[in-house]
Amino acid sequence: MTGVYLLAGVWALAILAVFIQAFRLSYRIEERSPDLTNRSGFPRKAMMFHTVTNMKVARDAETQGMRRRMNGLLLIVLAGFAIMGAGLHLVRAGG
């Protein structure tokens, strides 16, 4: 049973790493988008909702490619949570 928890921990760290990559990509998209650029001088939260929905995001090909990659990373995170949840459910049901 300890192996299952170890595997779940490693899986969670891998999904967290992918999520951090998506956040970093969101910040890069914001920097390239004039309407999303942070001009206040103070740190703020990532405008993840805007970048996912393509709201106020620059329309050039490179920025849109970055946005598609970020959306793909977020889908990987979502799938990772679903797979981990299903796996933990099966382990609990079996043992």
N, C-alpha and C. Protein backbone atom coordinates (compact mmCIF):
# COMPACT_ATOMS: atom_id res chain seq x y z
N MET A 1 0.82 -1.19 0.00
CA MET A 1 0.00 0.00 0.00
C MET A 1 0.87 1.26 0.00
N THR A 2 2.05 1.17 0.57
CA THR A 2 2.96 2.32 0.60
C THR A 2 3.38 2.73 -0.80
N GLY A 3 3.52 1.75 -1.69
CA GLY A 3 3.89 2.04 -3.07
C GLY A 3 2.84 2.88 -3.78
N VAL A 4 1.58 2.66 -3.44
CA VAL A 4 0.49 3.43 -4.06
C VAL A 4 0.61 4.89 -3.65
N TYR A 5 0.88 5.12 -2.36
CA TYR A 5 1.00 6.50 -1.89
C TYR A 5 2.24 7.18 -2.48
N LEU A 6 3.31 6.43 -2.63
CA LEU A 6 4.52 6.97 -3.24
C LEU A 6 4.25 7.34 -4.70
N LEU A 7 3.57 6.44 -5.41
CA LEU A 7 3.23 6.71 -6.81
C LEU A 7 2.29 7.92 -6.91
N ALA A 8 1.32 8.03 -6.01
CA ALA A 8 0.40 9.18 -6.02
C ALA A 8 1.16 10.47 -5.75
N GLY A 9 2.15 10.43 -4.86
CA GLY A 9 2.95 11.62 -4.58
C GLY A 9 3.78 12.05 -5.77
N VAL A 10 4.41 11.10 -6.43
CA VAL A 10 5.21 11.41 -7.62
C VAL A 10 4.30 11.93 -8.73
N TRP A 11 3.14 11.31 -8.88
CA TRP A 11 2.16 11.76 -9.90
C TRP A 11 1.73 13.20 -9.61
N ALA A 12 1.45 13.50 -8.35
CA ALA A 12 1.03 14.85 -7.97
C ALA A 12 2.13 15.87 -8.25
N LEU A 13 3.37 15.52 -7.97
CA LEU A 13 4.49 16.44 -8.26
C LEU A 13 4.64 16.67 -9.76
N ALA A 14 4.43 15.63 -10.55
CA ALA A 14 4.52 15.78 -12.01
C ALA A 14 3.41 16.69 -12.53
N ILE A 15 2.20 16.51 -12.03
CA ILE A 15 1.08 17.35 -12.45
C ILE A 15 1.31 18.79 -11.99
N LEU A 16 1.85 18.97 -10.81
CA LEU A 16 2.16 20.31 -10.31
C LEU A 16 3.20 20.99 -11.20
N ALA A 17 4.20 20.25 -11.65
CA ALA A 17 5.21 20.82 -12.54
C ALA A 17 4.59 21.27 -13.86
N VAL A 18 3.66 20.49 -14.40
CA VAL A 18 2.98 20.87 -15.64
C VAL A 18 2.13 22.11 -15.40
N PHE A 19 1.47 22.19 -14.25
CA PHE A 19 0.64 23.36 -13.92
C PHE A 19 1.49 24.62 -13.80
N ILE A 20 2.65 24.50 -13.21
CA ILE A 20 3.56 25.65 -13.09
C ILE A 20 4.02 26.10 -14.48
N GLN A 21 4.29 25.16 -15.36
CA GLN A 21 4.66 25.51 -16.74
C GLN A 21 3.53 26.29 -17.41
N ALA A 22 2.29 25.87 -17.18
CA ALA A 22 1.15 26.58 -17.78
C ALA A 22 1.05 28.00 -17.23
N PHE A 23 1.28 28.18 -15.93
CA PHE A 23 1.24 29.51 -15.35
C PHE A 23 2.34 30.40 -15.92
N ARG A 24 3.52 29.86 -16.03
CA ARG A 24 4.63 30.64 -16.59
C ARG A 24 4.33 31.04 -18.03
N LEU A 25 3.73 30.15 -18.78
CA LEU A 25 3.36 30.44 -20.15
C LEU A 25 2.27 31.52 -20.20
N SER A 26 1.35 31.48 -19.24
CA SER A 26 0.31 32.51 -19.16
C SER A 26 0.93 33.89 -18.94
N TYR A 27 1.92 33.98 -18.07
CA TYR A 27 2.59 35.26 -17.84
C TYR A 27 3.31 35.74 -19.11
N ARG A 28 3.91 34.82 -19.85
CA ARG A 28 4.58 35.20 -21.11
C ARG A 28 3.56 35.70 -22.14
N ILE A 29 2.39 35.08 -22.17
CA ILE A 29 1.33 35.52 -23.08
C ILE A 29 0.87 36.92 -22.68
N GLU A 30 0.72 37.16 -21.39
CA GLU A 30 0.32 38.48 -20.91
C GLU A 30 1.32 39.55 -21.32
N GLU A 31 2.61 39.24 -21.24
CA GLU A 31 3.65 40.20 -21.61
C GLU A 31 3.54 40.56 -23.09
N ARG A 32 3.11 39.63 -23.91
CA ARG A 32 3.02 39.87 -25.36
C ARG A 32 1.70 40.53 -25.76
N SER A 33 0.75 40.60 -24.83
CA SER A 33 -0.58 41.15 -25.13
C SER A 33 -0.72 42.53 -24.50
N PRO A 34 -0.80 43.58 -25.31
CA PRO A 34 -0.85 44.95 -24.78
C PRO A 34 -2.01 45.19 -23.79
N ASP A 35 -3.16 44.58 -24.02
CA ASP A 35 -4.30 44.80 -23.13
C ASP A 35 -4.19 44.06 -21.81
N LEU A 36 -3.29 43.11 -21.70
CA LEU A 36 -3.12 42.34 -20.47
C LEU A 36 -1.83 42.68 -19.72
N THR A 37 -1.00 43.53 -20.28
CA THR A 37 0.28 43.85 -19.66
C THR A 37 0.06 44.55 -18.32
N ASN A 38 0.79 44.14 -17.31
CA ASN A 38 0.71 44.73 -15.99
C ASN A 38 1.57 46.00 -15.97
N ARG A 39 0.92 47.15 -15.91
CA ARG A 39 1.63 48.43 -15.90
C ARG A 39 1.62 49.08 -14.53
N SER A 40 1.05 48.41 -13.54
CA SER A 40 0.91 49.02 -12.21
C SER A 40 2.22 49.05 -11.44
N GLY A 41 3.14 48.17 -11.76
CA GLY A 41 4.38 48.09 -11.01
C GLY A 41 4.28 47.18 -9.80
N PHE A 42 3.09 46.70 -9.50
CA PHE A 42 2.88 45.79 -8.39
C PHE A 42 2.59 44.39 -8.93
N PRO A 43 3.06 43.36 -8.26
CA PRO A 43 2.77 42.00 -8.72
C PRO A 43 1.26 41.75 -8.67
N ARG A 44 0.78 40.94 -9.58
CA ARG A 44 -0.63 40.56 -9.56
C ARG A 44 -0.76 39.11 -9.97
N LYS A 45 -1.95 38.61 -9.79
CA LYS A 45 -2.24 37.22 -10.16
C LYS A 45 -2.20 37.08 -11.68
N ALA A 46 -1.94 35.88 -12.11
CA ALA A 46 -1.94 35.61 -13.55
C ALA A 46 -3.36 35.79 -14.09
N MET A 47 -3.45 36.30 -15.28
CA MET A 47 -4.74 36.50 -15.93
C MET A 47 -5.10 35.23 -16.71
N MET A 48 -5.09 34.11 -16.01
CA MET A 48 -5.26 32.80 -16.62
C MET A 48 -6.60 32.69 -17.34
N PHE A 49 -7.68 33.21 -16.74
CA PHE A 49 -8.99 33.12 -17.39
C PHE A 49 -8.97 33.83 -18.74
N HIS A 50 -8.33 35.00 -18.79
CA HIS A 50 -8.25 35.75 -20.04
C HIS A 50 -7.43 35.00 -21.10
N THR A 51 -6.33 34.42 -20.69
CA THR A 51 -5.49 33.74 -21.67
C THR A 51 -6.12 32.44 -22.15
N VAL A 52 -6.84 31.74 -21.28
CA VAL A 52 -7.50 30.50 -21.69
C VAL A 52 -8.62 30.80 -22.68
N THR A 53 -9.39 31.85 -22.41
CA THR A 53 -10.55 32.16 -23.25
C THR A 53 -10.20 33.08 -24.42
N ASN A 54 -8.94 33.45 -24.55
CA ASN A 54 -8.47 34.30 -25.64
C ASN A 54 -9.06 35.71 -25.57
N MET A 55 -9.32 36.18 -24.35
CA MET A 55 -9.90 37.49 -24.13
C MET A 55 -8.78 38.52 -23.98
N LYS A 56 -8.72 39.48 -24.86
CA LYS A 56 -7.73 40.56 -24.86
C LYS A 56 -6.31 40.05 -25.12
N VAL A 57 -6.17 38.88 -25.72
CA VAL A 57 -4.87 38.30 -26.02
C VAL A 57 -4.45 38.75 -27.42
N ALA A 58 -3.16 39.03 -27.59
CA ALA A 58 -2.64 39.43 -28.90
C ALA A 58 -2.97 38.35 -29.93
N ARG A 59 -3.25 38.76 -31.15
CA ARG A 59 -3.71 37.84 -32.18
C ARG A 59 -2.61 37.34 -33.11
N ASP A 60 -1.36 37.69 -32.82
CA ASP A 60 -0.29 37.21 -33.71
C ASP A 60 -0.12 35.70 -33.56
N ALA A 61 0.47 35.11 -34.58
CA ALA A 61 0.56 33.65 -34.64
C ALA A 61 1.37 33.05 -33.49
N GLU A 62 2.45 33.70 -33.11
CA GLU A 62 3.30 33.15 -32.05
C GLU A 62 2.57 33.15 -30.70
N THR A 63 1.89 34.25 -30.39
CA THR A 63 1.15 34.32 -29.12
C THR A 63 0.01 33.31 -29.11
N GLN A 64 -0.68 33.16 -30.22
CA GLN A 64 -1.77 32.19 -30.29
C GLN A 64 -1.24 30.76 -30.17
N GLY A 65 -0.05 30.51 -30.71
CA GLY A 65 0.58 29.20 -30.54
C GLY A 65 0.92 28.93 -29.08
N MET A 66 1.41 29.97 -28.39
CA MET A 66 1.71 29.83 -26.96
C MET A 66 0.42 29.55 -26.18
N ARG A 67 -0.65 30.21 -26.57
CA ARG A 67 -1.93 30.01 -25.89
C ARG A 67 -2.44 28.59 -26.10
N ARG A 68 -2.31 28.08 -27.31
CA ARG A 68 -2.73 26.69 -27.56
C ARG A 68 -1.88 25.71 -26.75
N ARG A 69 -0.59 25.98 -26.64
CA ARG A 69 0.28 25.11 -25.83
C ARG A 69 -0.14 25.16 -24.36
N MET A 70 -0.46 26.36 -23.85
CA MET A 70 -0.88 26.50 -22.47
C MET A 70 -2.19 25.74 -22.24
N ASN A 71 -3.13 25.86 -23.18
CA ASN A 71 -4.39 25.12 -23.05
C ASN A 71 -4.14 23.61 -23.05
N GLY A 72 -3.20 23.16 -23.86
CA GLY A 72 -2.83 21.75 -23.86
C GLY A 72 -2.26 21.30 -22.53
N LEU A 73 -1.41 22.13 -21.94
CA LEU A 73 -0.85 21.81 -20.62
C LEU A 73 -1.95 21.74 -19.56
N LEU A 74 -2.91 22.65 -19.64
CA LEU A 74 -4.01 22.63 -18.67
C LEU A 74 -4.90 21.40 -18.87
N LEU A 75 -5.05 20.95 -20.10
CA LEU A 75 -5.79 19.71 -20.34
C LEU A 75 -5.04 18.50 -19.77
N ILE A 76 -3.71 18.53 -19.85
CA ILE A 76 -2.91 17.46 -19.24
C ILE A 76 -3.13 17.44 -17.73
N VAL A 77 -3.16 18.61 -17.11
CA VAL A 77 -3.40 18.70 -15.67
C VAL A 77 -4.78 18.13 -15.33
N LEU A 78 -5.78 18.52 -16.09
CA LEU A 78 -7.13 18.02 -15.86
C LEU A 78 -7.19 16.50 -16.00
N ALA A 79 -6.58 15.99 -17.06
CA ALA A 79 -6.55 14.54 -17.27
C ALA A 79 -5.77 13.85 -16.15
N GLY A 80 -4.69 14.47 -15.71
CA GLY A 80 -3.90 13.90 -14.62
C GLY A 80 -4.70 13.77 -13.33
N PHE A 81 -5.50 14.80 -13.01
CA PHE A 81 -6.34 14.71 -11.82
C PHE A 81 -7.39 13.62 -11.99
N ALA A 82 -7.98 13.51 -13.16
CA ALA A 82 -9.00 12.48 -13.40
C ALA A 82 -8.39 11.08 -13.28
N ILE A 83 -7.22 10.88 -13.87
CA ILE A 83 -6.57 9.57 -13.79
C ILE A 83 -6.17 9.23 -12.37
N MET A 84 -5.62 10.22 -11.64
CA MET A 84 -5.22 9.95 -10.26
C MET A 84 -6.45 9.66 -9.40
N GLY A 85 -7.53 10.41 -9.60
CA GLY A 85 -8.75 10.16 -8.83
C GLY A 85 -9.32 8.79 -9.11
N ALA A 86 -9.33 8.39 -10.39
CA ALA A 86 -9.83 7.06 -10.75
C ALA A 86 -8.94 5.98 -10.15
N GLY A 87 -7.64 6.19 -10.22
CA GLY A 87 -6.72 5.19 -9.65
C GLY A 87 -6.87 5.04 -8.14
N LEU A 88 -7.01 6.16 -7.44
CA LEU A 88 -7.20 6.08 -6.00
C LEU A 88 -8.54 5.44 -5.64
N HIS A 89 -9.55 5.70 -6.45
CA HIS A 89 -10.85 5.06 -6.23
C HIS A 89 -10.74 3.54 -6.40
N LEU A 90 -10.02 3.10 -7.42
CA LEU A 90 -9.85 1.66 -7.62
C LEU A 90 -9.05 1.02 -6.50
N VAL A 91 -8.05 1.73 -5.99
CA VAL A 91 -7.24 1.18 -4.90
C VAL A 91 -8.09 1.05 -3.63
N ARG A 92 -8.89 2.06 -3.36
CA ARG A 92 -9.74 2.01 -2.16
C ARG A 92 -10.81 0.93 -2.29
N ALA A 93 -11.37 0.77 -3.47
CA ALA A 93 -12.41 -0.24 -3.67
C ALA A 93 -11.84 -1.66 -3.56
N GLY A 94 -10.61 -1.82 -3.99
CA GLY A 94 -10.00 -3.15 -3.97
C GLY A 94 -9.41 -3.54 -2.64
N GLY A 95 -9.11 -2.59 -1.80
CA GLY A 95 -8.39 -2.96 -0.60
C GLY A 95 -9.08 -2.58 0.62
